[in-house]
PDB file of all heavy atoms in Angstrom:
ATOM      1  N   SER A   1     -77.451  -6.556   4.162  1.00  0.00           N
ATOM      2  CA  SER A   1     -76.729  -6.759   2.913  1.00  0.00           C
ATOM      3  C   SER A   1     -76.569  -8.258   2.684  1.00  0.00           C
ATOM      4  O   SER A   1     -76.532  -9.042   3.637  1.00  0.00           O
ATOM      5  CB  SER A   1     -75.342  -6.101   2.978  1.00  0.00           C
ATOM      6  OG  SER A   1     -74.526  -6.519   1.904  1.00  0.00           O
ATOM      7  N   VAL A   2     -76.451  -8.666   1.425  1.00  0.00           N
ATOM      8  CA  VAL A   2     -76.214 -10.075   1.127  1.00  0.00           C
ATOM      9  C   VAL A   2     -74.794 -10.484   1.524  1.00  0.00           C
ATOM     10  O   VAL A   2     -74.452 -11.674   1.479  1.00  0.00           O
ATOM     11  CB  VAL A   2     -76.460 -10.384  -0.361  1.00  0.00           C
ATOM     12  CG1 VAL A   2     -77.924 -10.161  -0.728  1.00  0.00           C
ATOM     13  CG2 VAL A   2     -75.535  -9.558  -1.257  1.00  0.00           C
ATOM     14  N   ASP A   3     -73.968  -9.517   1.927  1.00  0.00           N
ATOM     15  CA  ASP A   3     -72.618  -9.806   2.417  1.00  0.00           C
ATOM     16  C   ASP A   3     -72.520  -9.667   3.933  1.00  0.00           C
ATOM     17  O   ASP A   3     -71.451  -9.877   4.505  1.00  0.00           O
ATOM     18  CB  ASP A   3     -71.600  -8.864   1.765  1.00  0.00           C
ATOM     19  CG  ASP A   3     -71.520  -9.039   0.252  1.00  0.00           C
ATOM     20  OD1 ASP A   3     -71.539 -10.200  -0.213  1.00  0.00           O
ATOM     21  OD2 ASP A   3     -71.446  -8.025  -0.462  1.00  0.00           O
ATOM     22  N   SER A   4     -73.620  -9.315   4.590  1.00  0.00           N
ATOM     23  CA  SER A   4     -73.602  -9.074   6.029  1.00  0.00           C
ATOM     24  C   SER A   4     -73.319 -10.359   6.803  1.00  0.00           C
ATOM     25  O   SER A   4     -73.905 -11.413   6.539  1.00  0.00           O
ATOM     26  CB  SER A   4     -74.948  -8.497   6.483  1.00  0.00           C
ATOM     27  OG  SER A   4     -75.023  -8.430   7.891  1.00  0.00           O
ATOM     28  N   THR A   5     -72.440 -10.252   7.799  1.00  0.00           N
ATOM     29  CA  THR A   5     -72.133 -11.391   8.666  1.00  0.00           C
ATOM     30  C   THR A   5     -72.886 -11.304   9.993  1.00  0.00           C
ATOM     31  O   THR A   5     -72.641 -12.119  10.885  1.00  0.00           O
ATOM     32  CB  THR A   5     -70.622 -11.471   8.940  1.00  0.00           C
ATOM     33  OG1 THR A   5     -70.177 -10.252   9.551  1.00  0.00           O
ATOM     34  CG2 THR A   5     -69.853 -11.702   7.651  1.00  0.00           C
ATOM     35  N   ASP A   6     -73.786 -10.340  10.141  1.00  0.00           N
ATOM     36  CA  ASP A   6     -74.619 -10.267  11.341  1.00  0.00           C
ATOM     37  C   ASP A   6     -75.534 -11.485  11.411  1.00  0.00           C
ATOM     38  O   ASP A   6     -75.752 -12.176  10.407  1.00  0.00           O
ATOM     39  CB  ASP A   6     -75.458  -8.984  11.335  1.00  0.00           C
ATOM     40  CG  ASP A   6     -74.638  -7.750  11.671  1.00  0.00           C
ATOM     41  OD1 ASP A   6     -73.464  -7.902  12.043  1.00  0.00           O
ATOM     42  OD2 ASP A   6     -75.176  -6.636  11.548  1.00  0.00           O
ATOM     43  N   THR A   7     -76.090 -11.712  12.586  1.00  0.00           N
ATOM     44  CA  THR A   7     -76.987 -12.852  12.785  1.00  0.00           C
ATOM     45  C   THR A   7     -78.445 -12.405  12.702  1.00  0.00           C
ATOM     46  O   THR A   7     -78.830 -11.452  13.377  1.00  0.00           O
ATOM     47  CB  THR A   7     -76.742 -13.502  14.159  1.00  0.00           C
ATOM     48  OG1 THR A   7     -75.370 -13.909  14.255  1.00  0.00           O
ATOM     49  CG2 THR A   7     -77.648 -14.712  14.360  1.00  0.00           C
ATOM     50  N   PRO A   8     -79.278 -13.060  11.913  1.00  0.00           N
ATOM     51  CA  PRO A   8     -80.701 -12.699  11.856  1.00  0.00           C
ATOM     52  C   PRO A   8     -81.369 -12.926  13.212  1.00  0.00           C
ATOM     53  O   PRO A   8     -81.032 -13.883  13.917  1.00  0.00           O
ATOM     54  CB  PRO A   8     -81.271 -13.658  10.803  1.00  0.00           C
ATOM     55  CG  PRO A   8     -80.097 -14.169  10.038  1.00  0.00           C
ATOM     56  CD  PRO A   8     -78.957 -14.176  10.994  1.00  0.00           C
ATOM     57  N   PRO A   9     -82.322 -12.091  13.594  1.00  0.00           N
ATOM     58  CA  PRO A   9     -83.013 -12.279  14.872  1.00  0.00           C
ATOM     59  C   PRO A   9     -83.703 -13.635  15.009  1.00  0.00           C
ATOM     60  O   PRO A   9     -83.868 -14.139  16.125  1.00  0.00           O
ATOM     61  CB  PRO A   9     -84.039 -11.142  14.876  1.00  0.00           C
ATOM     62  CG  PRO A   9     -83.435 -10.091  14.014  1.00  0.00           C
ATOM     63  CD  PRO A   9     -82.720 -10.840  12.934  1.00  0.00           C
ATOM     64  N   ASN A  10     -84.108 -14.236  13.895  1.00  0.00           N
ATOM     65  CA  ASN A  10     -84.845 -15.504  13.960  1.00  0.00           C
ATOM     66  C   ASN A  10     -83.980 -16.728  13.688  1.00  0.00           C
ATOM     67  O   ASN A  10     -84.501 -17.829  13.510  1.00  0.00           O
ATOM     68  CB  ASN A  10     -86.024 -15.475  12.983  1.00  0.00           C
ATOM     69  CG  ASN A  10     -85.584 -15.195  11.545  1.00  0.00           C
ATOM     70  OD1 ASN A  10     -84.390 -15.139  11.248  1.00  0.00           O
ATOM     71  ND2 ASN A  10     -86.550 -15.013  10.657  1.00  0.00           N
ATOM     72  N   ALA A  11     -82.661 -16.561  13.655  1.00  0.00           N
ATOM     73  CA  ALA A  11     -81.779 -17.664  13.287  1.00  0.00           C
ATOM     74  C   ALA A  11     -81.936 -18.871  14.212  1.00  0.00           C
ATOM     75  O   ALA A  11     -82.083 -20.010  13.760  1.00  0.00           O
ATOM     76  CB  ALA A  11     -80.324 -17.198  13.272  1.00  0.00           C
ATOM     77  N   ALA A  12     -81.898 -18.630  15.526  1.00  0.00           N
ATOM     78  CA  ALA A  12     -81.996 -19.738  16.481  1.00  0.00           C
ATOM     79  C   ALA A  12     -83.359 -20.409  16.401  1.00  0.00           C
ATOM     80  O   ALA A  12     -83.465 -21.648  16.442  1.00  0.00           O
ATOM     81  CB  ALA A  12     -81.731 -19.237  17.892  1.00  0.00           C
ATOM     82  N   ALA A  13     -84.418 -19.610  16.276  1.00  0.00           N
ATOM     83  CA  ALA A  13     -85.770 -20.166  16.236  1.00  0.00           C
ATOM     84  C   ALA A  13     -85.986 -21.048  15.018  1.00  0.00           C
ATOM     85  O   ALA A  13     -86.781 -21.990  15.049  1.00  0.00           O
ATOM     86  CB  ALA A  13     -86.802 -19.041  16.255  1.00  0.00           C
ATOM     87  N   LEU A  14     -85.259 -20.765  13.946  1.00  0.00           N
ATOM     88  CA  LEU A  14     -85.388 -21.552  12.726  1.00  0.00           C
ATOM     89  C   LEU A  14     -84.373 -22.695  12.674  1.00  0.00           C
ATOM     90  O   LEU A  14     -84.246 -23.374  11.649  1.00  0.00           O
ATOM     91  CB  LEU A  14     -85.230 -20.652  11.500  1.00  0.00           C
ATOM     92  CG  LEU A  14     -86.406 -19.698  11.242  1.00  0.00           C
ATOM     93  CD1 LEU A  14     -86.074 -18.707  10.145  1.00  0.00           C
ATOM     94  CD2 LEU A  14     -87.667 -20.484  10.896  1.00  0.00           C
ATOM     95  N   GLY A  15     -83.663 -22.904  13.786  1.00  0.00           N
ATOM     96  CA  GLY A  15     -82.723 -24.013  13.860  1.00  0.00           C
ATOM     97  C   GLY A  15     -81.446 -23.812  13.079  1.00  0.00           C
ATOM     98  O   GLY A  15     -80.745 -24.771  12.773  1.00  0.00           O
ATOM     99  N   GLN A  16     -81.110 -22.545  12.766  1.00  0.00           N
ATOM    100  CA  GLN A  16     -79.885 -22.241  12.024  1.00  0.00           C
ATOM    101  C   GLN A  16     -79.117 -21.133  12.750  1.00  0.00           C
ATOM    102  O   GLN A  16     -78.949 -20.033  12.212  1.00  0.00           O
ATOM    103  CB  GLN A  16     -80.206 -21.826  10.593  1.00  0.00           C
ATOM    104  CG  GLN A  16     -80.965 -22.878   9.799  1.00  0.00           C
ATOM    105  CD  GLN A  16     -81.182 -22.473   8.353  1.00  0.00           C
ATOM    106  OE1 GLN A  16     -80.239 -22.300   7.584  1.00  0.00           O
ATOM    107  NE2 GLN A  16     -82.446 -22.320   7.972  1.00  0.00           N
ATOM    108  N   PRO A  17     -78.630 -21.383  13.961  1.00  0.00           N
ATOM    109  CA  PRO A  17     -78.015 -20.329  14.771  1.00  0.00           C
ATOM    110  C   PRO A  17     -76.758 -19.719  14.169  1.00  0.00           C
ATOM    111  O   PRO A  17     -76.363 -18.615  14.551  1.00  0.00           O
ATOM    112  CB  PRO A  17     -77.699 -21.041  16.092  1.00  0.00           C
ATOM    113  CG  PRO A  17     -77.596 -22.491  15.720  1.00  0.00           C
ATOM    114  CD  PRO A  17     -78.606 -22.695  14.648  1.00  0.00           C
ATOM    115  N   ASN A  18     -76.124 -20.404  13.237  1.00  0.00           N
ATOM    116  CA  ASN A  18     -74.865 -19.917  12.664  1.00  0.00           C
ATOM    117  C   ASN A  18     -75.033 -19.244  11.307  1.00  0.00           C
ATOM    118  O   ASN A  18     -74.049 -18.801  10.712  1.00  0.00           O
ATOM    119  CB  ASN A  18     -73.864 -21.071  12.545  1.00  0.00           C
ATOM    120  CG  ASN A  18     -73.498 -21.659  13.891  1.00  0.00           C
ATOM    121  OD1 ASN A  18     -73.295 -20.930  14.861  1.00  0.00           O
ATOM    122  ND2 ASN A  18     -73.417 -22.980  13.962  1.00  0.00           N
ATOM    123  N   ILE A  19     -76.255 -19.165  10.816  1.00  0.00           N
ATOM    124  CA  ILE A  19     -76.476 -18.533   9.517  1.00  0.00           C
ATOM    125  C   ILE A  19     -76.278 -17.027   9.631  1.00  0.00           C
ATOM    126  O   ILE A  19     -76.550 -16.417  10.673  1.00  0.00           O
ATOM    127  CB  ILE A  19     -77.885 -18.864   8.966  1.00  0.00           C
ATOM    128  CG1 ILE A  19     -77.967 -18.555   7.468  1.00  0.00           C
ATOM    129  CG2 ILE A  19     -78.967 -18.108   9.739  1.00  0.00           C
ATOM    130  CD1 ILE A  19     -79.227 -19.085   6.806  1.00  0.00           C
ATOM    131  N   THR A  20     -75.774 -16.410   8.594  1.00  0.00           N
ATOM    132  CA  THR A  20     -75.593 -14.959   8.580  1.00  0.00           C
ATOM    133  C   THR A  20     -76.765 -14.279   7.892  1.00  0.00           C
ATOM    134  O   THR A  20     -77.555 -14.926   7.186  1.00  0.00           O
ATOM    135  CB  THR A  20     -74.302 -14.575   7.836  1.00  0.00           C
ATOM    136  OG1 THR A  20     -74.442 -14.912   6.444  1.00  0.00           O
ATOM    137  CG2 THR A  20     -73.091 -15.300   8.418  1.00  0.00           C
ATOM    138  N   VAL A  21     -76.876 -12.973   8.094  1.00  0.00           N
ATOM    139  CA  VAL A  21     -77.916 -12.202   7.414  1.00  0.00           C
ATOM    140  C   VAL A  21     -77.784 -12.354   5.901  1.00  0.00           C
ATOM    141  O   VAL A  21     -78.781 -12.549   5.187  1.00  0.00           O
ATOM    142  CB  VAL A  21     -77.832 -10.715   7.824  1.00  0.00           C
ATOM    143  CG1 VAL A  21     -78.630  -9.833   6.849  1.00  0.00           C
ATOM    144  CG2 VAL A  21     -78.343 -10.518   9.239  1.00  0.00           C
ATOM    145  N   GLY A  22     -76.548 -12.273   5.410  1.00  0.00           N
ATOM    146  CA  GLY A  22     -76.343 -12.402   3.974  1.00  0.00           C
ATOM    147  C   GLY A  22     -76.797 -13.744   3.436  1.00  0.00           C
ATOM    148  O   GLY A  22     -77.465 -13.832   2.397  1.00  0.00           O
ATOM    149  N   GLU A  23     -76.444 -14.809   4.158  1.00  0.00           N
ATOM    150  CA  GLU A  23     -76.844 -16.149   3.725  1.00  0.00           C
ATOM    151  C   GLU A  23     -78.363 -16.314   3.783  1.00  0.00           C
ATOM    152  O   GLU A  23     -78.960 -16.925   2.896  1.00  0.00           O
ATOM    153  CB  GLU A  23     -76.162 -17.190   4.615  1.00  0.00           C
ATOM    154  CG  GLU A  23     -74.653 -17.271   4.413  1.00  0.00           C
ATOM    155  CD  GLU A  23     -73.965 -18.093   5.490  1.00  0.00           C
ATOM    156  OE1 GLU A  23     -74.564 -18.286   6.581  1.00  0.00           O
ATOM    157  OE2 GLU A  23     -72.822 -18.525   5.255  1.00  0.00           O
ATOM    158  N   ALA A  24     -78.967 -15.773   4.842  1.00  0.00           N
ATOM    159  CA  ALA A  24     -80.420 -15.877   4.988  1.00  0.00           C
ATOM    160  C   ALA A  24     -81.145 -15.133   3.880  1.00  0.00           C
ATOM    161  O   ALA A  24     -82.144 -15.617   3.332  1.00  0.00           O
ATOM    162  CB  ALA A  24     -80.846 -15.336   6.355  1.00  0.00           C
ATOM    163  N   LEU A  25     -80.660 -13.944   3.527  1.00  0.00           N
ATOM    164  CA  LEU A  25     -81.298 -13.177   2.463  1.00  0.00           C
ATOM    165  C   LEU A  25     -81.253 -13.922   1.132  1.00  0.00           C
ATOM    166  O   LEU A  25     -82.228 -13.929   0.369  1.00  0.00           O
ATOM    167  CB  LEU A  25     -80.629 -11.809   2.317  1.00  0.00           C
ATOM    168  CG  LEU A  25     -80.954 -10.756   3.366  1.00  0.00           C
ATOM    169  CD1 LEU A  25     -80.065  -9.532   3.191  1.00  0.00           C
ATOM    170  CD2 LEU A  25     -82.425 -10.359   3.316  1.00  0.00           C
ATOM    171  N   LYS A  26     -80.157 -14.573   0.857  1.00  0.00           N
ATOM    172  CA  LYS A  26     -79.998 -15.255  -0.436  1.00  0.00           C
ATOM    173  C   LYS A  26     -80.693 -16.617  -0.474  1.00  0.00           C
ATOM    174  O   LYS A  26     -81.021 -17.101  -1.562  1.00  0.00           O
ATOM    175  CB  LYS A  26     -78.512 -15.406  -0.757  1.00  0.00           C
ATOM    176  CG  LYS A  26     -77.827 -14.090  -1.098  1.00  0.00           C
ATOM    177  CD  LYS A  26     -76.372 -14.270  -1.483  1.00  0.00           C
ATOM    178  CE  LYS A  26     -75.497 -14.584  -0.293  1.00  0.00           C
ATOM    179  NZ  LYS A  26     -74.059 -14.607  -0.653  1.00  0.00           N
ATOM    180  N   ASP A  27     -80.915 -17.214   0.689  1.00  0.00           N
ATOM    181  CA  ASP A  27     -81.551 -18.529   0.749  1.00  0.00           C
ATOM    182  C   ASP A  27     -82.978 -18.453   0.202  1.00  0.00           C
ATOM    183  O   ASP A  27     -83.775 -17.626   0.619  1.00  0.00           O
ATOM    184  CB  ASP A  27     -81.571 -19.010   2.204  1.00  0.00           C
ATOM    185  CG  ASP A  27     -81.968 -20.472   2.340  1.00  0.00           C
ATOM    186  OD1 ASP A  27     -83.055 -20.832   1.850  1.00  0.00           O
ATOM    187  OD2 ASP A  27     -81.209 -21.232   2.952  1.00  0.00           O
TER     188      ASP A  27
END
């Protein structure tokens, strides 16, 4: 969901370990 606070599986690999699923989807 664009409101999800879960962490994307690739967050660390992309250098954004604190990004949420919602933020990643909207980016």
